Amino acid sequence: MKTIEATLVYLFKDDKCLMLYRNKKENDLHEGKWNGLGGKIEVGESPSECAIREVREESGLEISSLKFAGHITFPAFDKEGNDWSVFIFTSNDFHGKLSENPDEGDLHWIDTDKILQLNLWEGDHHFIPLLLSKKLFLGKFTYKDKRLLQYTLRKI
């Protein structure tokens, strides 16, 4: 087992957030869930470089600037029992044309007041309100069989 470092990015414009509905990738741990954009940090890559690259790959959009929003760890999260360490960012400073057929799922601009009504991971219901209110946070979310067992979340 190992720790996998990753990023998660929430893009905002006009009181909407770009969300990815995970419905295309085979054997996707996140299948059927809505999420921000992001993915695994590559060797030699910083969290912010990863965030910018992942948004470009998943949406076609180019981020001009990022804001750090928080960090969450997910012990033994995936099928192999790996821990995940996820750097979370936001941005409203981006440009480009949204991809029409992304590989991992469908992209939708969701009204920010409707995000918590989507089929999210249980823990997202705890940190997304902090993200939306621009409060920095640190957290630890423990899942088993895709169910949230316990969590800690602190504003910083």
Protein backbone atom coordinates (compact mmCIF):
# COMPACT_ATOMS: atom_id res chain seq x y z
CA MET A 1 0.00 0.00 0.00
CA LYS A 2 1.09 3.54 -0.64
CA THR A 3 -0.08 7.14 -0.53
CA ILE A 4 -1.41 8.53 -3.78
CA GLU A 5 -1.25 12.30 -4.10
CA ALA A 6 -3.95 13.93 -6.18
CA THR A 7 -5.77 17.19 -6.84
CA LEU A 8 -9.37 18.26 -7.04
CA VAL A 9 -10.38 21.55 -8.70
CA TYR A 10 -13.68 23.42 -8.60
CA LEU A 11 -14.12 26.04 -11.35
CA PHE A 12 -16.63 28.84 -10.78
CA LYS A 13 -18.34 31.35 -13.08
CA ASP A 14 -21.64 33.23 -12.84
CA ASP A 15 -22.77 31.47 -9.61
CA LYS A 16 -22.16 28.09 -11.23
CA CYS A 17 -19.54 25.39 -10.65
CA LEU A 18 -18.17 23.04 -13.30
CA MET A 19 -18.87 19.48 -12.16
CA LEU A 20 -17.95 16.17 -13.75
CA TYR A 21 -20.48 13.33 -13.73
CA ARG A 22 -18.34 10.18 -13.71
CA ASN A 23 -20.08 7.86 -16.18
CA LYS A 24 -17.59 6.85 -18.88
CA LYS A 25 -14.45 5.28 -17.45
CA GLU A 26 -14.44 1.51 -16.98
CA ASN A 27 -13.93 0.27 -13.38
CA ASP A 28 -14.11 3.85 -12.11
CA LEU A 29 -14.06 4.10 -8.31
CA HIS A 30 -16.12 7.29 -8.69
CA GLU A 31 -18.69 5.87 -11.15
CA GLY A 32 -22.08 7.54 -10.80
CA LYS A 33 -20.72 10.33 -8.60
CA TRP A 34 -20.39 14.03 -9.33
CA ASN A 35 -17.03 15.57 -8.60
CA GLY A 36 -14.73 18.45 -9.37
CA LEU A 37 -11.94 17.97 -11.91
CA GLY A 38 -8.59 16.50 -11.03
CA GLY A 39 -6.41 13.45 -10.77
CA LYS A 40 -3.13 11.95 -9.68
CA ILE A 41 0.01 14.04 -9.31
CA GLU A 42 2.74 12.81 -11.66
CA VAL A 43 6.39 12.36 -10.67
CA GLY A 44 8.12 15.75 -10.49
CA GLU A 45 4.85 17.65 -10.64
CA SER A 46 3.64 20.10 -7.98
CA PRO A 47 0.01 20.01 -6.80
CA SER A 48 -0.75 23.26 -8.64
CA GLU A 49 0.88 22.01 -11.86
CA CYS A 50 -1.20 18.84 -11.60
CA ALA A 51 -4.40 20.83 -11.03
CA ILE A 52 -3.78 22.96 -14.11
CA ARG A 53 -2.87 19.93 -16.27
CA GLU A 54 -5.85 17.86 -15.11
CA VAL A 55 -8.32 20.69 -15.77
CA ARG A 56 -6.85 21.12 -19.26
CA GLU A 57 -7.02 17.35 -19.97
CA GLU A 58 -10.52 16.85 -18.54
CA SER A 59 -12.23 20.05 -19.72
CA GLY A 60 -10.12 21.80 -22.38
CA LEU A 61 -10.00 24.92 -20.18
CA GLU A 62 -6.77 26.73 -19.28
CA ILE A 63 -6.45 27.98 -15.71
CA SER A 64 -4.69 31.34 -15.30
CA SER A 65 -4.66 31.30 -11.50
CA LEU A 66 -5.63 28.94 -8.67
CA LYS A 67 -6.62 29.38 -5.04
CA PHE A 68 -5.76 26.73 -2.48
CA ALA A 69 -8.98 25.67 -0.70
CA GLY A 70 -7.92 22.76 1.47
CA HIS A 71 -6.41 19.33 1.88
CA ILE A 72 -8.11 16.03 2.69
CA THR A 73 -6.69 12.59 3.35
CA PHE A 74 -8.63 9.41 2.60
CA PRO A 75 -7.12 6.39 4.43
CA ALA A 76 -7.32 3.05 2.58
CA PHE A 77 -9.64 4.64 0.02
CA ASP A 78 -9.23 2.57 -3.13
CA LYS A 79 -9.59 -1.17 -3.87
CA GLU A 80 -5.89 -1.74 -3.19
CA GLY A 81 -6.11 -0.09 0.23
CA ASN A 82 -4.02 2.94 -0.77
CA ASP A 83 -4.29 6.17 1.16
CA TRP A 84 -5.15 9.25 -0.90
CA SER A 85 -3.84 12.73 -0.14
CA VAL A 86 -5.86 15.32 -2.07
CA PHE A 87 -5.02 19.01 -2.56
CA ILE A 88 -8.19 20.99 -3.29
CA PHE A 89 -8.24 24.19 -5.33
CA THR A 90 -10.73 26.66 -6.78
CA SER A 91 -10.49 29.02 -9.71
CA ASN A 92 -12.62 31.62 -11.43
CA ASP A 93 -9.70 32.71 -13.62
CA PHE A 94 -9.66 30.47 -16.70
CA HIS A 95 -10.33 30.60 -20.43
CA GLY A 96 -10.85 28.40 -23.44
CA LYS A 97 -13.58 26.25 -24.88
CA LEU A 98 -15.15 23.45 -22.86
CA SER A 99 -14.52 19.96 -24.27
CA GLU A 100 -17.58 18.44 -25.89
CA ASN A 101 -16.80 14.78 -25.16
CA PRO A 102 -14.45 14.34 -22.17
CA ASP A 103 -13.08 10.85 -21.45
CA GLU A 104 -14.17 10.38 -17.83
CA GLY A 105 -17.71 11.73 -17.82
CA ASP A 106 -20.06 14.54 -18.68
CA LEU A 107 -19.27 18.15 -17.74
CA HIS A 108 -22.05 20.41 -16.50
CA TRP A 109 -22.20 23.91 -15.07
CA ILE A 110 -24.25 23.47 -11.87
CA ASP A 111 -25.82 26.30 -9.87
CA THR A 112 -23.75 26.56 -6.68
CA ASP A 113 -26.88 26.32 -4.53
CA LYS A 114 -27.72 22.96 -6.20
CA ILE A 115 -24.34 21.20 -5.83
CA LEU A 116 -25.28 19.47 -2.56
CA GLN A 117 -28.34 17.96 -4.27
CA LEU A 118 -26.12 15.95 -6.65
CA ASN A 119 -25.01 12.35 -6.07
CA LEU A 120 -21.76 13.25 -4.29
CA TRP A 121 -19.49 11.28 -2.02
CA GLU A 122 -20.92 11.57 1.51
CA GLY A 123 -17.91 13.54 2.74
CA ASP A 124 -18.37 16.18 0.04
CA HIS A 125 -21.48 17.36 1.89
CA HIS A 126 -19.18 18.39 4.75
CA PHE A 127 -16.35 20.18 2.94
CA ILE A 128 -18.16 21.76 -0.03
CA PRO A 129 -19.99 24.30 2.19
CA LEU A 130 -16.55 25.44 3.45
CA LEU A 131 -15.26 25.57 -0.12
CA LEU A 132 -18.26 27.66 -1.22
CA SER A 133 -17.82 30.06 1.71
CA LYS A 134 -14.10 30.41 0.89
CA LYS A 135 -12.94 28.96 4.23
CA LEU A 136 -9.67 27.03 4.15
CA PHE A 137 -9.89 23.53 5.59
CA LEU A 138 -8.03 20.35 6.47
CA GLY A 139 -9.79 17.02 6.74
CA LYS A 140 -9.62 13.27 6.99
CA PHE A 141 -12.45 11.13 5.59
CA THR A 142 -12.54 7.39 6.22
CA TYR A 143 -14.67 5.26 3.90
CA LYS A 144 -15.41 1.56 3.79
CA ASP A 145 -17.30 0.04 0.86
CA LYS A 146 -17.98 3.58 -0.42
CA ARG A 147 -19.71 4.56 2.85
CA LEU A 148 -18.37 7.32 5.10
CA LEU A 149 -17.42 5.82 8.47
CA GLN A 150 -15.97 8.90 10.14
CA TYR A 151 -14.39 12.22 9.38
CA THR A 152 -12.61 15.19 10.88
CA LEU A 153 -12.74 18.61 9.28
CA ARG A 154 -11.16 21.80 10.57
CA LYS A 155 -11.17 25.33 9.27
CA ILE A 156 -7.69 26.85 9.16
